[in-house]
N, C-alpha and C. Protein backbone atom coordinates (compact mmCIF):
# COMPACT_ATOMS: atom_id res chain seq x y z
N MET A 1 7.02 -12.26 -10.90
CA MET A 1 6.63 -13.02 -9.33
C MET A 1 5.29 -14.01 -9.52
N THR A 2 5.03 -14.67 -8.72
CA THR A 2 4.45 -15.88 -9.04
C THR A 2 3.00 -15.30 -8.26
N PRO A 3 1.80 -16.10 -8.55
CA PRO A 3 0.61 -15.40 -7.52
C PRO A 3 0.63 -15.90 -6.27
N GLU A 4 1.57 -17.53 -6.11
CA GLU A 4 2.06 -17.74 -4.49
C GLU A 4 2.93 -16.43 -4.10
N GLN A 5 3.58 -16.21 -4.41
CA GLN A 5 4.63 -15.23 -3.85
C GLN A 5 4.01 -13.69 -3.16
N LEU A 6 2.74 -13.54 -4.30
CA LEU A 6 1.97 -12.00 -4.39
C LEU A 6 1.61 -12.35 -2.91
N ALA A 7 0.64 -13.65 -2.96
CA ALA A 7 -0.19 -14.11 -1.38
C ALA A 7 0.55 -13.85 -0.45
N ALA A 8 1.58 -14.38 -0.63
CA ALA A 8 2.41 -14.68 0.79
C ALA A 8 2.84 -13.39 1.52
N ALA A 9 3.33 -12.45 0.47
CA ALA A 9 3.66 -11.12 0.57
C ALA A 9 2.53 -9.98 1.36
N LEU A 10 1.03 -10.40 0.64
CA LEU A 10 0.23 -9.72 1.15
C LEU A 10 -0.45 -9.96 2.90
N ASP A 11 -0.36 -11.44 2.47
CA ASP A 11 -0.25 -12.05 4.20
C ASP A 11 0.53 -11.56 5.21
N ARG A 12 1.50 -11.41 4.67
CA ARG A 12 2.76 -10.96 5.93
C ARG A 12 1.84 -9.21 6.40
N VAL A 13 1.71 -8.75 5.57
CA VAL A 13 1.12 -7.35 5.88
C VAL A 13 -0.16 -7.59 6.44
N THR A 14 -1.18 -8.79 6.07
CA THR A 14 -2.47 -8.26 6.83
C THR A 14 -2.70 -9.13 8.21
N ARG A 15 -1.23 -9.67 8.33
CA ARG A 15 -1.43 -10.07 9.79
C ARG A 15 -1.00 -9.34 10.84
N VAL A 16 -0.76 -7.88 10.56
CA VAL A 16 -0.51 -7.14 11.30
C VAL A 16 -1.61 -6.62 12.27
N ARG A 17 -2.14 -6.89 13.79
CA ARG A 17 -3.37 -6.11 13.78
C ARG A 17 -3.72 -4.79 13.53
N GLY A 18 -4.89 -4.77 13.37
CA GLY A 18 -5.51 -3.60 12.52
C GLY A 18 -5.48 -3.31 11.16
N VAL A 19 -4.88 -3.79 10.62
CA VAL A 19 -4.79 -4.00 9.13
C VAL A 19 -6.08 -4.77 8.41
N ARG A 20 -6.43 -3.91 7.72
CA ARG A 20 -7.73 -4.64 7.02
C ARG A 20 -7.95 -5.33 6.30
N GLY A 21 -6.99 -4.84 5.62
CA GLY A 21 -6.55 -5.48 4.08
C GLY A 21 -4.94 -5.01 3.34
N ALA A 22 -4.49 -5.70 2.07
CA ALA A 22 -3.65 -4.90 1.34
C ALA A 22 -3.77 -5.46 -0.12
N MET A 23 -2.95 -4.94 -0.85
CA MET A 23 -2.73 -4.85 -2.09
C MET A 23 -1.98 -4.54 -2.95
N LEU A 24 -1.33 -5.32 -4.16
CA LEU A 24 -0.04 -4.19 -4.75
C LEU A 24 -1.26 -3.80 -5.90
N VAL A 25 -0.80 -2.39 -6.26
CA VAL A 25 -1.61 -1.59 -7.02
C VAL A 25 -0.48 -1.27 -8.12
N SER A 26 -1.33 -1.18 -9.43
CA SER A 26 -0.31 -0.63 -10.61
C SER A 26 -0.51 1.21 -10.38
N ALA A 27 0.64 1.74 -10.47
CA ALA A 27 0.88 3.25 -9.77
C ALA A 27 0.62 4.02 -10.76
N ASP A 28 0.31 3.72 -11.95
CA ASP A 28 0.18 4.26 -13.09
C ASP A 28 -1.45 4.42 -13.31
N ASP A 29 -2.30 3.30 -13.23
CA ASP A 29 -3.57 3.36 -13.71
C ASP A 29 -4.46 3.00 -12.38
N GLY A 30 -3.84 2.51 -11.36
CA GLY A 30 -4.63 1.92 -10.04
C GLY A 30 -5.47 0.88 -10.09
N LEU A 31 -5.10 -0.15 -11.43
CA LEU A 31 -5.57 -1.00 -11.33
C LEU A 31 -5.28 -1.93 -10.59
N VAL A 32 -5.76 -3.01 -9.58
CA VAL A 32 -5.45 -3.94 -8.72
C VAL A 32 -5.08 -5.12 -9.23
N VAL A 33 -3.56 -5.76 -9.23
CA VAL A 33 -2.86 -6.47 -9.33
C VAL A 33 -2.71 -8.15 -8.58
N SER A 34 -3.12 -7.59 -7.40
CA SER A 34 -3.31 -8.77 -6.33
C SER A 34 -3.88 -8.11 -4.84
N GLU A 35 -5.02 -8.76 -4.07
CA GLU A 35 -5.69 -8.04 -3.20
C GLU A 35 -5.77 -9.35 -2.18
N SER A 36 -5.67 -9.10 -0.66
CA SER A 36 -6.13 -9.00 0.28
C SER A 36 -7.10 -8.76 1.29
N LEU A 37 -8.63 -8.72 1.01
CA LEU A 37 -9.08 -7.72 1.61
C LEU A 37 -10.19 -8.32 2.21
N MET A 38 -10.21 -7.41 3.59
CA MET A 38 -11.32 -8.00 4.22
C MET A 38 -12.96 -7.48 3.57
N GLU A 39 -13.89 -8.39 3.87
CA GLU A 39 -15.05 -7.94 3.35
C GLU A 39 -15.48 -6.29 3.56
N GLY A 40 -16.04 -5.97 2.86
CA GLY A 40 -16.79 -4.46 2.70
C GLY A 40 -15.50 -3.84 2.24
N ILE A 41 -14.35 -3.84 2.02
CA ILE A 41 -13.43 -2.97 1.46
C ILE A 41 -13.73 -2.72 -0.02
N ARG A 42 -13.81 -1.84 -0.39
CA ARG A 42 -13.82 -1.64 -2.01
C ARG A 42 -12.45 -1.35 -2.27
N GLY A 43 -12.16 -2.48 -2.91
CA GLY A 43 -10.58 -2.47 -3.70
C GLY A 43 -10.46 -1.62 -4.45
N ASN A 44 -11.28 -1.75 -5.55
CA ASN A 44 -11.18 -0.94 -6.86
C ASN A 44 -11.19 0.84 -6.62
N ALA A 45 -11.66 1.32 -5.52
CA ALA A 45 -11.99 2.55 -5.18
C ALA A 45 -10.93 2.68 -3.82
N VAL A 46 -10.16 2.00 -3.51
CA VAL A 46 -8.86 2.09 -2.68
C VAL A 46 -7.53 2.54 -3.47
N ALA A 47 -7.90 1.46 -4.39
CA ALA A 47 -6.69 1.26 -5.42
C ALA A 47 -6.67 2.46 -6.36
N ALA A 48 -7.63 2.87 -6.72
CA ALA A 48 -7.62 4.29 -7.86
C ALA A 48 -7.38 5.49 -6.71
N LEU A 49 -7.57 5.60 -5.54
CA LEU A 49 -7.16 6.40 -4.64
C LEU A 49 -5.92 6.85 -4.09
N ALA A 50 -5.12 5.62 -4.29
CA ALA A 50 -3.78 5.31 -3.41
C ALA A 50 -3.07 5.72 -4.92
N ALA A 51 -3.21 5.30 -6.20
CA ALA A 51 -2.76 5.78 -7.43
C ALA A 51 -2.81 7.31 -7.51
N SER A 52 -3.51 7.71 -7.24
CA SER A 52 -4.32 8.81 -7.41
C SER A 52 -3.29 9.91 -6.59
N LEU A 53 -3.22 9.57 -5.46
CA LEU A 53 -2.41 10.09 -4.38
C LEU A 53 -1.02 9.83 -4.25
N ALA A 54 -0.41 8.96 -4.59
CA ALA A 54 1.11 8.34 -5.17
C ALA A 54 1.26 9.55 -6.20
N THR A 55 0.85 9.59 -7.00
CA THR A 55 1.14 10.35 -8.45
C THR A 55 1.23 11.81 -7.90
N ARG A 56 -0.15 12.49 -7.21
CA ARG A 56 -0.06 13.72 -6.62
C ARG A 56 1.47 14.08 -5.87
N LEU A 57 1.97 13.25 -4.98
CA LEU A 57 2.45 13.51 -3.84
C LEU A 57 3.83 13.32 -4.84
N ARG A 58 4.18 12.63 -5.55
CA ARG A 58 5.52 12.24 -6.45
C ARG A 58 5.47 13.68 -7.19
N ARG A 59 4.42 14.48 -7.58
CA ARG A 59 4.71 15.56 -8.56
C ARG A 59 5.05 16.86 -7.59
N ALA A 60 4.47 16.37 -6.25
CA ALA A 60 4.71 17.68 -5.06
C ALA A 60 6.19 17.65 -5.12
N ALA A 61 6.66 16.48 -4.28
CA ALA A 61 7.75 16.20 -3.65
C ALA A 61 8.76 16.20 -5.04
N ALA A 62 8.63 16.39 -6.26
CA ALA A 62 9.63 16.58 -7.27
C ALA A 62 9.76 18.40 -7.46
N ALA A 63 8.67 18.79 -7.02
CA ALA A 63 8.77 20.21 -7.57
C ALA A 63 9.23 20.99 -6.25
N ALA A 64 9.15 19.71 -5.23
CA ALA A 64 10.04 20.36 -3.88
C ALA A 64 11.37 20.27 -3.90
N ASP A 65 11.97 19.32 -4.35
CA ASP A 65 13.18 18.78 -4.84
C ASP A 65 13.47 17.87 -3.47
N ALA A 66 12.27 17.40 -3.22
CA ALA A 66 12.50 16.47 -2.17
C ALA A 66 12.78 14.75 -2.10
N GLY A 67 12.96 14.62 -3.47
CA GLY A 67 13.15 13.15 -3.56
C GLY A 67 12.52 12.33 -3.90
N GLU A 68 12.33 10.95 -3.67
CA GLU A 68 11.41 10.29 -4.15
C GLU A 68 10.65 9.69 -2.40
N GLN A 69 9.25 9.16 -2.80
CA GLN A 69 8.45 9.04 -1.70
C GLN A 69 9.19 7.61 -1.09
N ARG A 70 8.84 7.32 -0.01
CA ARG A 70 9.60 6.03 0.38
C ARG A 70 8.11 5.65 1.38
N PHE A 71 7.28 6.25 1.73
CA PHE A 71 6.08 5.40 2.76
C PHE A 71 4.83 6.84 2.49
N VAL A 72 3.84 6.56 2.64
CA VAL A 72 2.81 7.57 2.84
C VAL A 72 2.09 6.75 3.75
N HIS A 73 1.65 7.51 4.77
CA HIS A 73 0.86 7.26 5.64
C HIS A 73 -0.53 8.53 5.71
N MET A 74 -1.43 8.38 5.01
CA MET A 74 -2.79 9.19 5.38
C MET A 74 -3.96 8.81 6.25
N ALA A 75 -3.79 9.35 7.36
CA ALA A 75 -4.67 9.30 8.54
C ALA A 75 -6.43 9.95 8.22
N ALA A 76 -6.99 9.25 8.16
CA ALA A 76 -8.84 9.65 8.23
C ALA A 76 -9.07 9.44 9.53
N ALA A 77 -10.77 9.91 9.77
CA ALA A 77 -11.48 9.78 10.75
C ALA A 77 -11.49 8.21 11.02
N ALA A 78 -11.70 7.37 10.08
CA ALA A 78 -11.91 6.11 10.63
C ALA A 78 -10.71 4.91 10.39
N GLY A 79 -9.73 5.49 9.99
CA GLY A 79 -8.61 4.42 9.73
C GLY A 79 -7.41 5.45 9.03
N ALA A 80 -6.66 4.52 8.44
CA ALA A 80 -5.60 4.83 7.59
C ALA A 80 -5.33 4.04 6.07
N LEU A 81 -4.75 5.01 5.33
CA LEU A 81 -4.29 4.11 4.15
C LEU A 81 -2.79 4.52 3.97
N LEU A 82 -1.98 3.34 3.77
CA LEU A 82 -0.60 3.18 3.66
C LEU A 82 -0.17 2.61 2.75
N LEU A 83 0.41 3.53 1.96
CA LEU A 83 1.71 3.45 0.68
C LEU A 83 2.73 3.02 0.76
N MET A 84 3.20 2.38 -0.17
CA MET A 84 4.91 2.19 -0.38
C MET A 84 5.61 1.85 -1.74
N PRO A 85 5.86 2.40 -2.31
CA PRO A 85 6.34 1.92 -4.00
C PRO A 85 7.41 0.88 -3.64
N ALA A 86 6.57 0.22 -4.83
CA ALA A 86 7.12 -1.26 -4.94
C ALA A 86 8.01 -1.20 -6.44
N ASN A 87 8.59 -2.46 -6.60
CA ASN A 87 9.52 -2.55 -7.77
C ASN A 87 8.12 -2.59 -9.31
N GLU A 88 8.68 -2.23 -10.36
CA GLU A 88 7.78 -2.50 -11.76
C GLU A 88 6.78 -1.87 -11.77
N GLY A 89 6.95 -0.71 -10.99
CA GLY A 89 5.73 0.68 -11.26
C GLY A 89 4.27 0.06 -10.48
N LEU A 90 4.38 -0.32 -9.51
CA LEU A 90 3.73 -0.84 -7.97
C LEU A 90 3.76 -0.37 -6.66
N LEU A 91 2.49 -0.30 -6.53
CA LEU A 91 2.54 -0.24 -5.29
C LEU A 91 1.73 -0.78 -4.00
N LEU A 92 2.57 -0.76 -3.19
CA LEU A 92 1.88 -1.74 -1.93
C LEU A 92 0.85 -0.71 -1.12
N VAL A 93 -0.45 -1.37 -0.96
CA VAL A 93 -1.16 -0.70 -0.26
C VAL A 93 -1.84 -1.46 0.62
N ALA A 94 -1.90 -0.96 1.93
CA ALA A 94 -2.82 -1.36 3.55
C ALA A 94 -3.60 -0.35 3.74
N VAL A 95 -4.93 -0.89 4.04
CA VAL A 95 -5.91 -0.26 4.27
C VAL A 95 -5.70 -0.77 6.03
N ALA A 96 -6.20 0.12 6.85
CA ALA A 96 -6.07 0.12 8.45
C ALA A 96 -7.10 0.80 9.31
N ASP A 97 -7.43 0.48 10.34
CA ASP A 97 -7.74 0.97 11.41
C ASP A 97 -7.41 1.87 12.09
N GLY A 98 -8.11 2.76 12.98
CA GLY A 98 -7.52 3.78 13.70
C GLY A 98 -6.43 3.40 14.73
N GLN A 99 -6.72 1.84 14.97
CA GLN A 99 -5.76 1.23 16.30
C GLN A 99 -4.40 0.54 15.63
N VAL A 100 -4.12 1.24 14.13
CA VAL A 100 -3.27 0.39 13.79
C VAL A 100 -1.57 0.77 14.35
N ASN A 101 -0.99 -0.54 14.73
CA ASN A 101 0.78 0.09 15.07
C ASN A 101 1.33 0.43 13.52
N VAL A 102 1.58 1.91 13.05
CA VAL A 102 1.85 2.15 11.70
C VAL A 102 3.41 1.82 11.60
N GLY A 103 4.12 1.61 12.45
CA GLY A 103 5.48 1.54 12.54
C GLY A 103 5.90 -0.11 12.28
N LEU A 104 4.77 -0.98 13.17
CA LEU A 104 4.85 -2.27 12.37
C LEU A 104 4.49 -2.70 11.14
N ALA A 105 3.16 -2.01 10.84
CA ALA A 105 2.58 -2.07 9.50
C ALA A 105 3.80 -2.07 8.75
N ARG A 106 4.49 -0.49 8.39
CA ARG A 106 5.46 -0.25 7.61
C ARG A 106 6.97 -1.06 7.62
N LEU A 107 7.25 -1.73 8.90
CA LEU A 107 8.15 -3.00 8.54
C LEU A 107 7.98 -3.99 8.08
N GLU A 108 6.69 -4.43 8.27
CA GLU A 108 6.05 -5.49 7.32
C GLU A 108 5.71 -4.99 5.80
N MET A 109 5.40 -4.03 5.64
CA MET A 109 5.47 -3.51 4.13
C MET A 109 6.73 -3.87 3.93
N GLN A 110 7.82 -3.14 4.07
CA GLN A 110 8.98 -3.42 3.68
C GLN A 110 9.42 -4.64 3.70
N ARG A 111 9.44 -5.14 4.75
CA ARG A 111 9.75 -7.00 4.55
C ARG A 111 9.01 -7.72 3.11
N ALA A 112 7.64 -7.61 3.44
CA ALA A 112 6.68 -7.85 2.08
C ALA A 112 7.65 -7.58 0.49
N LEU A 113 7.94 -6.47 0.51
CA LEU A 113 8.37 -6.12 -0.81
C LEU A 113 9.96 -6.95 -0.89
N GLU A 114 10.58 -7.04 0.47
CA GLU A 114 11.88 -7.42 -0.24
C GLU A 114 11.55 -9.08 0.02
N HIS A 115 10.73 -9.57 0.04
CA HIS A 115 9.91 -10.85 -0.46
C HIS A 115 9.80 -11.25 -1.78
N LEU A 116 8.97 -9.67 -2.27
CA LEU A 116 9.14 -9.72 -3.73
C LEU A 116 10.12 -9.70 -4.82
N ALA A 117 11.16 -9.27 -4.23
CA ALA A 117 12.22 -8.73 -4.74
C ALA A 117 13.19 -9.99 -5.56
């Protein structure tokens, strides 16, 4: 993946109304690989949270014999965190406000990952 491909994929996600930022994160250690975030979003903290959450959910799903996770939507009082597993041990993460159209954000996240494949 070239830096231009990464930027184009993240741009696709951030164009959805209500998405405040998107990033590709290493699922193993929570390090940011590429990001496109609005000012005020602490990317490193969000990346660490996303990786930790994905790891715990993966373990819980395995224990429940539920299969692999495809999409995670964590709603909070001030917004939402959206996660989608990507290739090569990465996570596509979107930070959104409470008014985001989650279905549209998910669709654009899928398209962004297809663009990177």
